[in-house]
Amino acid sequence: MDELLPIAAGLALGVLFASGFGWLRPWWIRTLLVVLAGVSATVTSGEFRANWAFVLVDVGEVALLAWIGFAGAGAVRRRRDSRNARRPALPT
């Protein structure tokens, strides 16, 4: 159950990155958000009490899931756009 937070945070960040907001375009902002989400997941779950190396695991997990969320959101957008392009216009 401790890994649900980094999974949800990563997917949410990936979808947010794919949304096209201008302030999320720079790589350093995306990196900062992924690292903050990973550190937050480690602190929230209490894993930092055992070893701070769990931060690396959680940051990596958030980064991987953010990439998956970004790719998935892009695929959904491309599919939706291609369906709309094939749809004939309604007669007026």
N, C-alpha and C. Protein backbone atom coordinates (compact mmCIF):
# COMPACT_ATOMS: atom_id res chain seq x y z
N MET A 1 0.81 -1.20 0.00
CA MET A 1 0.00 0.00 0.00
C MET A 1 0.85 1.27 0.00
N ASP A 2 2.12 1.14 0.45
CA ASP A 2 2.97 2.32 0.51
C ASP A 2 3.33 2.85 -0.87
N GLU A 3 3.21 2.02 -1.88
CA GLU A 3 3.62 2.45 -3.22
C GLU A 3 2.47 3.09 -4.02
N LEU A 4 1.30 3.18 -3.44
CA LEU A 4 0.19 3.80 -4.17
C LEU A 4 0.40 5.29 -4.38
N LEU A 5 1.00 5.96 -3.41
CA LEU A 5 1.21 7.41 -3.56
C LEU A 5 2.18 7.74 -4.69
N PRO A 6 3.35 7.10 -4.79
CA PRO A 6 4.20 7.43 -5.93
C PRO A 6 3.60 7.03 -7.27
N ILE A 7 2.82 5.96 -7.29
CA ILE A 7 2.17 5.55 -8.54
C ILE A 7 1.14 6.60 -8.96
N ALA A 8 0.29 7.00 -8.03
CA ALA A 8 -0.75 7.99 -8.35
C ALA A 8 -0.12 9.34 -8.69
N ALA A 9 0.90 9.74 -7.94
CA ALA A 9 1.56 11.03 -8.21
C ALA A 9 2.23 11.01 -9.57
N GLY A 10 2.88 9.91 -9.91
CA GLY A 10 3.54 9.82 -11.21
C GLY A 10 2.56 9.88 -12.36
N LEU A 11 1.47 9.12 -12.26
CA LEU A 11 0.47 9.16 -13.33
C LEU A 11 -0.17 10.53 -13.45
N ALA A 12 -0.46 11.15 -12.31
CA ALA A 12 -1.06 12.49 -12.35
C ALA A 12 -0.10 13.50 -12.97
N LEU A 13 1.17 13.43 -12.61
CA LEU A 13 2.14 14.35 -13.20
C LEU A 13 2.29 14.11 -14.70
N GLY A 14 2.28 12.86 -15.12
CA GLY A 14 2.39 12.57 -16.54
C GLY A 14 1.24 13.14 -17.34
N VAL A 15 0.04 12.98 -16.83
CA VAL A 15 -1.12 13.54 -17.51
C VAL A 15 -1.06 15.07 -17.50
N LEU A 16 -0.61 15.64 -16.39
CA LEU A 16 -0.47 17.09 -16.30
C LEU A 16 0.58 17.60 -17.28
N PHE A 17 1.70 16.88 -17.43
CA PHE A 17 2.73 17.28 -18.38
C PHE A 17 2.23 17.21 -19.81
N ALA A 18 1.37 16.25 -20.10
CA ALA A 18 0.83 16.09 -21.45
C ALA A 18 -0.25 17.11 -21.77
N SER A 19 -0.76 17.79 -20.75
CA SER A 19 -1.86 18.72 -20.97
C SER A 19 -1.45 19.95 -21.76
N GLY A 20 -0.18 20.27 -21.79
CA GLY A 20 0.29 21.36 -22.62
C GLY A 20 0.32 22.72 -21.95
N PHE A 21 0.26 22.76 -20.62
CA PHE A 21 0.39 24.04 -19.93
C PHE A 21 1.78 24.61 -20.18
N GLY A 22 1.83 25.88 -20.52
CA GLY A 22 3.11 26.50 -20.87
C GLY A 22 4.13 26.53 -19.75
N TRP A 23 3.69 26.70 -18.52
CA TRP A 23 4.63 26.80 -17.42
C TRP A 23 5.21 25.45 -17.04
N LEU A 24 4.66 24.36 -17.57
CA LEU A 24 5.19 23.02 -17.30
C LEU A 24 6.13 22.52 -18.39
N ARG A 25 6.42 23.34 -19.38
CA ARG A 25 7.27 22.90 -20.48
C ARG A 25 8.75 22.79 -20.14
N PRO A 26 9.33 23.68 -19.34
CA PRO A 26 10.77 23.55 -19.07
C PRO A 26 11.10 22.25 -18.35
N TRP A 27 12.20 21.62 -18.75
CA TRP A 27 12.59 20.33 -18.18
C TRP A 27 12.88 20.43 -16.69
N TRP A 28 13.42 21.57 -16.24
CA TRP A 28 13.80 21.68 -14.83
C TRP A 28 12.57 21.76 -13.92
N ILE A 29 11.48 22.31 -14.42
CA ILE A 29 10.25 22.34 -13.63
C ILE A 29 9.68 20.92 -13.51
N ARG A 30 9.70 20.18 -14.61
CA ARG A 30 9.21 18.81 -14.57
C ARG A 30 10.06 17.95 -13.65
N THR A 31 11.39 18.14 -13.72
CA THR A 31 12.29 17.39 -12.85
C THR A 31 12.05 17.73 -11.39
N LEU A 32 11.88 19.00 -11.11
CA LEU A 32 11.63 19.43 -9.73
C LEU A 32 10.34 18.83 -9.20
N LEU A 33 9.29 18.81 -10.00
CA LEU A 33 8.01 18.25 -9.56
C LEU A 33 8.11 16.74 -9.32
N VAL A 34 8.86 16.04 -10.17
CA VAL A 34 9.02 14.59 -9.99
C VAL A 34 9.81 14.31 -8.71
N VAL A 35 10.88 15.07 -8.48
CA VAL A 35 11.68 14.87 -7.27
C VAL A 35 10.87 15.21 -6.02
N LEU A 36 10.13 16.29 -6.06
CA LEU A 36 9.29 16.65 -4.91
C LEU A 36 8.23 15.59 -4.63
N ALA A 37 7.64 15.04 -5.67
CA ALA A 37 6.64 13.99 -5.47
C ALA A 37 7.28 12.74 -4.89
N GLY A 38 8.48 12.39 -5.35
CA GLY A 38 9.17 11.22 -4.82
C GLY A 38 9.56 11.39 -3.36
N VAL A 39 10.09 12.56 -3.02
CA VAL A 39 10.46 12.83 -1.62
C VAL A 39 9.21 12.85 -0.75
N SER A 40 8.14 13.44 -1.24
CA SER A 40 6.89 13.47 -0.47
C SER A 40 6.36 12.06 -0.23
N ALA A 41 6.47 11.20 -1.23
CA ALA A 41 6.00 9.82 -1.06
C ALA A 41 6.83 9.09 -0.02
N THR A 42 8.14 9.33 -0.02
CA THR A 42 9.01 8.67 0.96
C THR A 42 8.70 9.15 2.37
N VAL A 43 8.53 10.45 2.53
CA VAL A 43 8.27 11.00 3.86
C VAL A 43 6.88 10.60 4.34
N THR A 44 5.89 10.64 3.46
CA THR A 44 4.53 10.31 3.84
C THR A 44 4.40 8.85 4.27
N SER A 45 5.08 7.96 3.57
CA SER A 45 4.99 6.54 3.91
C SER A 45 5.84 6.17 5.12
N GLY A 46 6.76 7.05 5.51
CA GLY A 46 7.62 6.78 6.66
C GLY A 46 8.83 5.93 6.34
N GLU A 47 9.08 5.68 5.05
CA GLU A 47 10.22 4.87 4.65
C GLU A 47 11.55 5.53 4.98
N PHE A 48 11.55 6.85 5.12
CA PHE A 48 12.79 7.57 5.40
C PHE A 48 13.36 7.18 6.76
N ARG A 49 12.52 6.68 7.66
CA ARG A 49 13.00 6.26 8.98
C ARG A 49 13.92 5.05 8.87
N ALA A 50 13.66 4.19 7.91
CA ALA A 50 14.50 3.01 7.72
C ALA A 50 15.79 3.37 6.99
N ASN A 51 15.65 4.11 5.88
CA ASN A 51 16.82 4.47 5.09
C ASN A 51 16.41 5.54 4.07
N TRP A 52 17.24 6.57 3.95
CA TRP A 52 16.94 7.64 3.00
C TRP A 52 17.13 7.20 1.56
N ALA A 53 17.70 6.03 1.34
CA ALA A 53 17.87 5.53 -0.03
C ALA A 53 16.52 5.24 -0.68
N PHE A 54 15.48 5.10 0.12
CA PHE A 54 14.15 4.90 -0.45
C PHE A 54 13.71 6.10 -1.28
N VAL A 55 14.32 7.25 -1.05
CA VAL A 55 14.00 8.43 -1.86
C VAL A 55 14.34 8.15 -3.32
N LEU A 56 15.48 7.52 -3.56
CA LEU A 56 15.87 7.20 -4.94
C LEU A 56 14.87 6.26 -5.60
N VAL A 57 14.41 5.29 -4.86
CA VAL A 57 13.43 4.34 -5.40
C VAL A 57 12.12 5.05 -5.73
N ASP A 58 11.65 5.87 -4.81
CA ASP A 58 10.38 6.56 -5.03
C ASP A 58 10.47 7.61 -6.14
N VAL A 59 11.59 8.31 -6.22
CA VAL A 59 11.75 9.29 -7.31
C VAL A 59 11.79 8.56 -8.64
N GLY A 60 12.49 7.44 -8.70
CA GLY A 60 12.51 6.66 -9.93
C GLY A 60 11.14 6.13 -10.31
N GLU A 61 10.41 5.70 -9.31
CA GLU A 61 9.06 5.19 -9.56
C GLU A 61 8.14 6.30 -10.07
N VAL A 62 8.22 7.47 -9.47
CA VAL A 62 7.41 8.60 -9.92
C VAL A 62 7.80 8.99 -11.35
N ALA A 63 9.10 9.00 -11.64
CA ALA A 63 9.55 9.36 -12.98
C ALA A 63 9.05 8.36 -14.03
N LEU A 64 9.14 7.07 -13.72
CA LEU A 64 8.67 6.05 -14.65
C LEU A 64 7.17 6.17 -14.89
N LEU A 65 6.41 6.33 -13.82
CA LEU A 65 4.96 6.45 -13.98
C LEU A 65 4.56 7.77 -14.64
N ALA A 66 5.34 8.82 -14.45
CA ALA A 66 5.06 10.08 -15.14
C ALA A 66 5.27 9.90 -16.64
N TRP A 67 6.32 9.17 -17.00
CA TRP A 67 6.55 8.90 -18.42
C TRP A 67 5.42 8.07 -19.01
N ILE A 68 4.97 7.05 -18.28
CA ILE A 68 3.87 6.20 -18.74
C ILE A 68 2.59 7.03 -18.86
N GLY A 69 2.30 7.89 -17.88
CA GLY A 69 1.13 8.74 -17.94
C GLY A 69 1.19 9.73 -19.09
N PHE A 70 2.38 10.27 -19.35
CA PHE A 70 2.58 11.21 -20.46
C PHE A 70 2.33 10.51 -21.79
N ALA A 71 2.89 9.30 -21.94
CA ALA A 71 2.71 8.55 -23.19
C ALA A 71 1.25 8.13 -23.37
N GLY A 72 0.62 7.70 -22.28
CA GLY A 72 -0.77 7.29 -22.38
C GLY A 72 -1.70 8.44 -22.71
N ALA A 73 -1.48 9.59 -22.09
CA ALA A 73 -2.31 10.75 -22.39
C ALA A 73 -2.11 11.22 -23.83
N GLY A 74 -0.86 11.14 -24.31
CA GLY A 74 -0.60 11.50 -25.70
C GLY A 74 -1.28 10.55 -26.67
N ALA A 75 -1.29 9.26 -26.35
CA ALA A 75 -1.95 8.29 -27.21
C ALA A 75 -3.46 8.52 -27.24
N VAL A 76 -4.03 8.83 -26.10
CA VAL A 76 -5.47 9.11 -26.04
C VAL A 76 -5.79 10.36 -26.85
N ARG A 77 -4.96 11.38 -26.73
CA ARG A 77 -5.19 12.62 -27.48
C ARG A 77 -5.08 12.38 -28.98
N ARG A 78 -4.06 11.63 -29.42
CA ARG A 78 -3.90 11.35 -30.85
C ARG A 78 -5.08 10.53 -31.38
N ARG A 79 -5.54 9.58 -30.59
CA ARG A 79 -6.67 8.76 -31.02
C ARG A 79 -7.94 9.60 -31.14
N ARG A 80 -8.15 10.47 -30.16
CA ARG A 80 -9.33 11.34 -30.19
C ARG A 80 -9.26 12.30 -31.38
N ASP A 81 -8.08 12.86 -31.64
CA ASP A 81 -7.94 13.79 -32.76
C ASP A 81 -8.14 13.09 -34.10
N SER A 82 -7.65 11.85 -34.22
CA SER A 82 -7.84 11.14 -35.49
C SER A 82 -9.30 10.76 -35.71
N ARG A 83 -10.01 10.45 -34.63
CA ARG A 83 -11.44 10.16 -34.77
C ARG A 83 -12.20 11.41 -35.19
N ASN A 84 -11.85 12.54 -34.63
CA ASN A 84 -12.53 13.79 -34.99
C ASN A 84 -12.19 14.20 -36.41
N ALA A 85 -11.01 13.90 -36.89
CA ALA A 85 -10.63 14.26 -38.25
C ALA A 85 -11.36 13.41 -39.27
N ARG A 86 -11.67 12.16 -38.93
CA ARG A 86 -12.37 11.26 -39.87
C ARG A 86 -13.86 11.49 -39.88
N ARG A 87 -14.39 12.13 -38.87
CA ARG A 87 -15.83 12.33 -38.76
C ARG A 87 -16.27 13.35 -39.81
N PRO A 88 -17.26 13.00 -40.63
CA PRO A 88 -17.72 13.96 -41.65
C PRO A 88 -18.44 15.13 -41.00
N ALA A 89 -18.35 16.24 -41.65
CA ALA A 89 -19.04 17.43 -41.15
C ALA A 89 -20.55 17.28 -41.35
N LEU A 90 -21.30 17.81 -40.43
CA LEU A 90 -22.75 17.76 -40.52
C LEU A 90 -23.23 18.76 -41.57
N PRO A 91 -24.21 18.35 -42.35
CA PRO A 91 -24.73 19.30 -43.35
C PRO A 91 -25.50 20.43 -42.66
N THR A 92 -25.38 21.58 -43.25
CA THR A 92 -26.08 22.74 -42.66
C THR A 92 -27.28 23.12 -43.46
